[in-house]
Amino acid sequence: MHRFGRMFRLLALLSIAIAAVAVFLATQGEESPAVHSMIAAALAAGFAVLLGSAVMTIVLLGARSGHNEIATPQIHEEGKDE
């Protein structure tokens, strides 16, 4: 859990940076952008990156720790027979 927390904090900082870039890019096209569109762009980009990075972190740590083999023993036993 400690490694997950450390990786997730770094990825949360990455999602904040990507949300800031998304707001910057959304404001470049218009002279006076609406506040609601800037908030929506920040939340959408930040949440999408945060959710994707959380799922990939869980998959990565599960594969490294061996939890995937414990959860699916039948699949691994079938592959050994062939």
N, C-alpha and C. Protein backbone atom coordinates (compact mmCIF):
# COMPACT_ATOMS: atom_id res chain seq x y z
N MET A 1 0.82 -1.20 0.00
CA MET A 1 0.00 0.00 0.00
C MET A 1 0.86 1.27 0.00
N HIS A 2 2.03 1.18 0.59
CA HIS A 2 2.90 2.37 0.62
C HIS A 2 3.35 2.76 -0.78
N ARG A 3 3.70 1.75 -1.59
CA ARG A 3 4.11 2.05 -2.96
C ARG A 3 2.95 2.62 -3.77
N PHE A 4 1.75 2.10 -3.56
CA PHE A 4 0.58 2.63 -4.27
C PHE A 4 0.34 4.08 -3.89
N GLY A 5 0.44 4.40 -2.62
CA GLY A 5 0.22 5.77 -2.18
C GLY A 5 1.24 6.74 -2.75
N ARG A 6 2.50 6.30 -2.79
CA ARG A 6 3.55 7.15 -3.34
C ARG A 6 3.35 7.38 -4.84
N MET A 7 3.06 6.30 -5.56
CA MET A 7 2.84 6.44 -7.00
C MET A 7 1.60 7.27 -7.29
N PHE A 8 0.56 7.07 -6.50
CA PHE A 8 -0.69 7.79 -6.73
C PHE A 8 -0.53 9.28 -6.46
N ARG A 9 0.28 9.65 -5.48
CA ARG A 9 0.52 11.07 -5.23
C ARG A 9 1.24 11.73 -6.40
N LEU A 10 2.23 11.04 -6.95
CA LEU A 10 2.93 11.59 -8.11
C LEU A 10 2.00 11.70 -9.32
N LEU A 11 1.15 10.72 -9.50
CA LEU A 11 0.22 10.76 -10.62
C LEU A 11 -0.88 11.81 -10.40
N ALA A 12 -1.21 12.09 -9.16
CA ALA A 12 -2.17 13.16 -8.87
C ALA A 12 -1.57 14.52 -9.25
N LEU A 13 -0.29 14.70 -8.99
CA LEU A 13 0.39 15.93 -9.41
C LEU A 13 0.42 16.03 -10.93
N LEU A 14 0.63 14.90 -11.59
CA LEU A 14 0.61 14.89 -13.05
C LEU A 14 -0.77 15.27 -13.58
N SER A 15 -1.82 14.77 -12.96
CA SER A 15 -3.17 15.10 -13.43
C SER A 15 -3.49 16.57 -13.20
N ILE A 16 -2.98 17.15 -12.13
CA ILE A 16 -3.19 18.59 -11.89
C ILE A 16 -2.47 19.40 -12.96
N ALA A 17 -1.26 18.98 -13.32
CA ALA A 17 -0.52 19.69 -14.37
C ALA A 17 -1.24 19.57 -15.71
N ILE A 18 -1.76 18.40 -16.01
CA ILE A 18 -2.49 18.22 -17.27
C ILE A 18 -3.78 19.02 -17.28
N ALA A 19 -4.44 19.13 -16.14
CA ALA A 19 -5.65 19.95 -16.05
C ALA A 19 -5.32 21.42 -16.29
N ALA A 20 -4.18 21.87 -15.76
CA ALA A 20 -3.76 23.26 -15.99
C ALA A 20 -3.47 23.51 -17.46
N VAL A 21 -2.83 22.55 -18.11
CA VAL A 21 -2.56 22.67 -19.55
C VAL A 21 -3.87 22.68 -20.34
N ALA A 22 -4.84 21.86 -19.93
CA ALA A 22 -6.13 21.82 -20.61
C ALA A 22 -6.85 23.16 -20.49
N VAL A 23 -6.81 23.78 -19.32
CA VAL A 23 -7.42 25.09 -19.15
C VAL A 23 -6.70 26.14 -19.98
N PHE A 24 -5.39 26.07 -20.01
CA PHE A 24 -4.61 27.00 -20.82
C PHE A 24 -4.97 26.88 -22.30
N LEU A 25 -5.05 25.65 -22.79
CA LEU A 25 -5.39 25.44 -24.19
C LEU A 25 -6.84 25.83 -24.50
N ALA A 26 -7.73 25.63 -23.53
CA ALA A 26 -9.14 26.00 -23.75
C ALA A 26 -9.31 27.51 -23.80
N THR A 27 -8.46 28.24 -23.11
CA THR A 27 -8.58 29.70 -23.10
C THR A 27 -7.88 30.37 -24.29
N GLN A 28 -7.10 29.65 -25.03
CA GLN A 28 -6.36 30.24 -26.14
C GLN A 28 -7.24 30.62 -27.32
N GLY A 29 -8.32 29.91 -27.55
CA GLY A 29 -9.13 30.15 -28.73
C GLY A 29 -10.11 31.31 -28.62
N GLU A 30 -10.51 31.65 -27.43
CA GLU A 30 -11.54 32.68 -27.25
C GLU A 30 -10.94 33.92 -26.58
N GLU A 31 -11.62 35.05 -26.80
CA GLU A 31 -11.17 36.28 -26.17
C GLU A 31 -11.53 36.32 -24.69
N SER A 32 -12.76 35.94 -24.37
CA SER A 32 -13.18 35.90 -22.97
C SER A 32 -13.89 34.58 -22.70
N PRO A 33 -13.15 33.56 -22.30
CA PRO A 33 -13.78 32.25 -22.09
C PRO A 33 -14.66 32.26 -20.84
N ALA A 34 -15.69 31.44 -20.88
CA ALA A 34 -16.59 31.34 -19.73
C ALA A 34 -15.90 30.57 -18.61
N VAL A 35 -16.19 30.97 -17.41
CA VAL A 35 -15.60 30.31 -16.24
C VAL A 35 -16.06 28.85 -16.17
N HIS A 36 -17.31 28.61 -16.56
CA HIS A 36 -17.86 27.25 -16.49
C HIS A 36 -17.11 26.31 -17.44
N SER A 37 -16.74 26.80 -18.60
CA SER A 37 -16.02 25.94 -19.54
C SER A 37 -14.60 25.66 -19.06
N MET A 38 -13.98 26.62 -18.40
CA MET A 38 -12.64 26.38 -17.85
C MET A 38 -12.69 25.36 -16.72
N ILE A 39 -13.69 25.47 -15.86
CA ILE A 39 -13.84 24.50 -14.77
C ILE A 39 -14.13 23.12 -15.32
N ALA A 40 -15.00 23.03 -16.32
CA ALA A 40 -15.33 21.74 -16.92
C ALA A 40 -14.12 21.11 -17.60
N ALA A 41 -13.32 21.90 -18.28
CA ALA A 41 -12.12 21.37 -18.94
C ALA A 41 -11.12 20.87 -17.91
N ALA A 42 -10.94 21.61 -16.84
CA ALA A 42 -10.00 21.20 -15.79
C ALA A 42 -10.46 19.92 -15.11
N LEU A 43 -11.73 19.85 -14.76
CA LEU A 43 -12.24 18.66 -14.09
C LEU A 43 -12.22 17.44 -15.00
N ALA A 44 -12.60 17.61 -16.25
CA ALA A 44 -12.63 16.48 -17.17
C ALA A 44 -11.23 15.94 -17.43
N ALA A 45 -10.30 16.80 -17.73
CA ALA A 45 -8.94 16.35 -18.02
C ALA A 45 -8.27 15.77 -16.77
N GLY A 46 -8.41 16.45 -15.66
CA GLY A 46 -7.79 15.97 -14.42
C GLY A 46 -8.36 14.65 -13.95
N PHE A 47 -9.68 14.52 -13.99
CA PHE A 47 -10.31 13.28 -13.52
C PHE A 47 -10.00 12.11 -14.45
N ALA A 48 -9.98 12.35 -15.75
CA ALA A 48 -9.68 11.27 -16.70
C ALA A 48 -8.26 10.76 -16.51
N VAL A 49 -7.31 11.66 -16.35
CA VAL A 49 -5.92 11.24 -16.14
C VAL A 49 -5.77 10.56 -14.79
N LEU A 50 -6.42 11.07 -13.76
CA LEU A 50 -6.32 10.49 -12.43
C LEU A 50 -6.93 9.09 -12.39
N LEU A 51 -8.07 8.90 -13.02
CA LEU A 51 -8.71 7.59 -13.04
C LEU A 51 -7.89 6.59 -13.84
N GLY A 52 -7.42 6.99 -14.99
CA GLY A 52 -6.60 6.09 -15.81
C GLY A 52 -5.30 5.72 -15.12
N SER A 53 -4.67 6.68 -14.49
CA SER A 53 -3.41 6.38 -13.81
C SER A 53 -3.63 5.51 -12.58
N ALA A 54 -4.75 5.68 -11.89
CA ALA A 54 -5.04 4.82 -10.73
C ALA A 54 -5.24 3.38 -11.16
N VAL A 55 -5.97 3.16 -12.24
CA VAL A 55 -6.20 1.80 -12.72
C VAL A 55 -4.90 1.16 -13.17
N MET A 56 -4.09 1.90 -13.91
CA MET A 56 -2.82 1.34 -14.37
C MET A 56 -1.86 1.08 -13.20
N THR A 57 -1.89 1.90 -12.16
CA THR A 57 -1.07 1.66 -10.98
C THR A 57 -1.49 0.39 -10.27
N ILE A 58 -2.79 0.17 -10.15
CA ILE A 58 -3.28 -1.05 -9.50
C ILE A 58 -2.89 -2.28 -10.31
N VAL A 59 -3.01 -2.20 -11.62
CA VAL A 59 -2.62 -3.33 -12.47
C VAL A 59 -1.12 -3.60 -12.35
N LEU A 60 -0.31 -2.57 -12.38
CA LEU A 60 1.13 -2.73 -12.29
C LEU A 60 1.54 -3.33 -10.95
N LEU A 61 1.02 -2.80 -9.87
CA LEU A 61 1.39 -3.31 -8.56
C LEU A 61 0.85 -4.71 -8.33
N GLY A 62 -0.34 -5.02 -8.89
CA GLY A 62 -0.88 -6.37 -8.76
C GLY A 62 -0.04 -7.39 -9.51
N ALA A 63 0.47 -7.02 -10.65
CA ALA A 63 1.32 -7.92 -11.43
C ALA A 63 2.67 -8.13 -10.74
N ARG A 64 3.21 -7.10 -10.14
CA ARG A 64 4.51 -7.22 -9.47
C ARG A 64 4.42 -8.03 -8.19
N SER A 65 3.32 -7.89 -7.46
CA SER A 65 3.22 -8.55 -6.16
C SER A 65 2.73 -9.99 -6.26
N GLY A 66 2.22 -10.41 -7.41
CA GLY A 66 1.76 -11.78 -7.56
C GLY A 66 0.29 -11.99 -7.26
N HIS A 67 -0.44 -10.93 -7.01
CA HIS A 67 -1.86 -11.07 -6.71
C HIS A 67 -2.66 -11.55 -7.92
N ASN A 68 -2.20 -11.28 -9.12
CA ASN A 68 -2.92 -11.73 -10.31
C ASN A 68 -2.89 -13.24 -10.44
N GLU A 69 -1.78 -13.88 -10.07
CA GLU A 69 -1.70 -15.33 -10.15
C GLU A 69 -2.61 -16.00 -9.12
N ILE A 70 -2.74 -15.37 -7.97
CA ILE A 70 -3.61 -15.92 -6.93
C ILE A 70 -5.07 -15.82 -7.34
N ALA A 71 -5.44 -14.74 -8.02
CA ALA A 71 -6.84 -14.51 -8.39
C ALA A 71 -7.29 -15.40 -9.53
N THR A 72 -6.39 -15.82 -10.40
CA THR A 72 -6.76 -16.63 -11.56
C THR A 72 -5.90 -17.87 -11.68
N PRO A 73 -6.03 -18.83 -10.76
CA PRO A 73 -5.16 -20.01 -10.83
C PRO A 73 -5.52 -20.95 -11.99
N GLN A 74 -6.79 -20.99 -12.41
CA GLN A 74 -7.20 -21.91 -13.47
C GLN A 74 -6.57 -21.52 -14.80
N ILE A 75 -6.48 -20.27 -15.08
CA ILE A 75 -5.92 -19.82 -16.36
C ILE A 75 -4.44 -20.19 -16.44
N HIS A 76 -3.72 -20.03 -15.35
CA HIS A 76 -2.29 -20.33 -15.37
C HIS A 76 -2.04 -21.84 -15.43
N GLU A 77 -2.91 -22.64 -14.83
CA GLU A 77 -2.75 -24.09 -14.89
C GLU A 77 -3.04 -24.61 -16.29
N GLU A 78 -4.01 -24.03 -16.99
CA GLU A 78 -4.32 -24.45 -18.37
C GLU A 78 -3.17 -24.13 -19.30
N GLY A 79 -2.48 -23.01 -19.08
CA GLY A 79 -1.36 -22.63 -19.94
C GLY A 79 -0.16 -23.54 -19.75
N LYS A 80 0.00 -24.16 -18.58
CA LYS A 80 1.13 -25.06 -18.33
C LYS A 80 0.94 -26.40 -19.04
N ASP A 81 -0.30 -26.83 -19.25
CA ASP A 81 -0.57 -28.11 -19.89
C ASP A 81 -0.21 -28.12 -21.35
N GLU A 82 -0.30 -26.98 -21.98
CA GLU A 82 -0.08 -26.90 -23.44
C GLU A 82 1.34 -26.83 -23.83
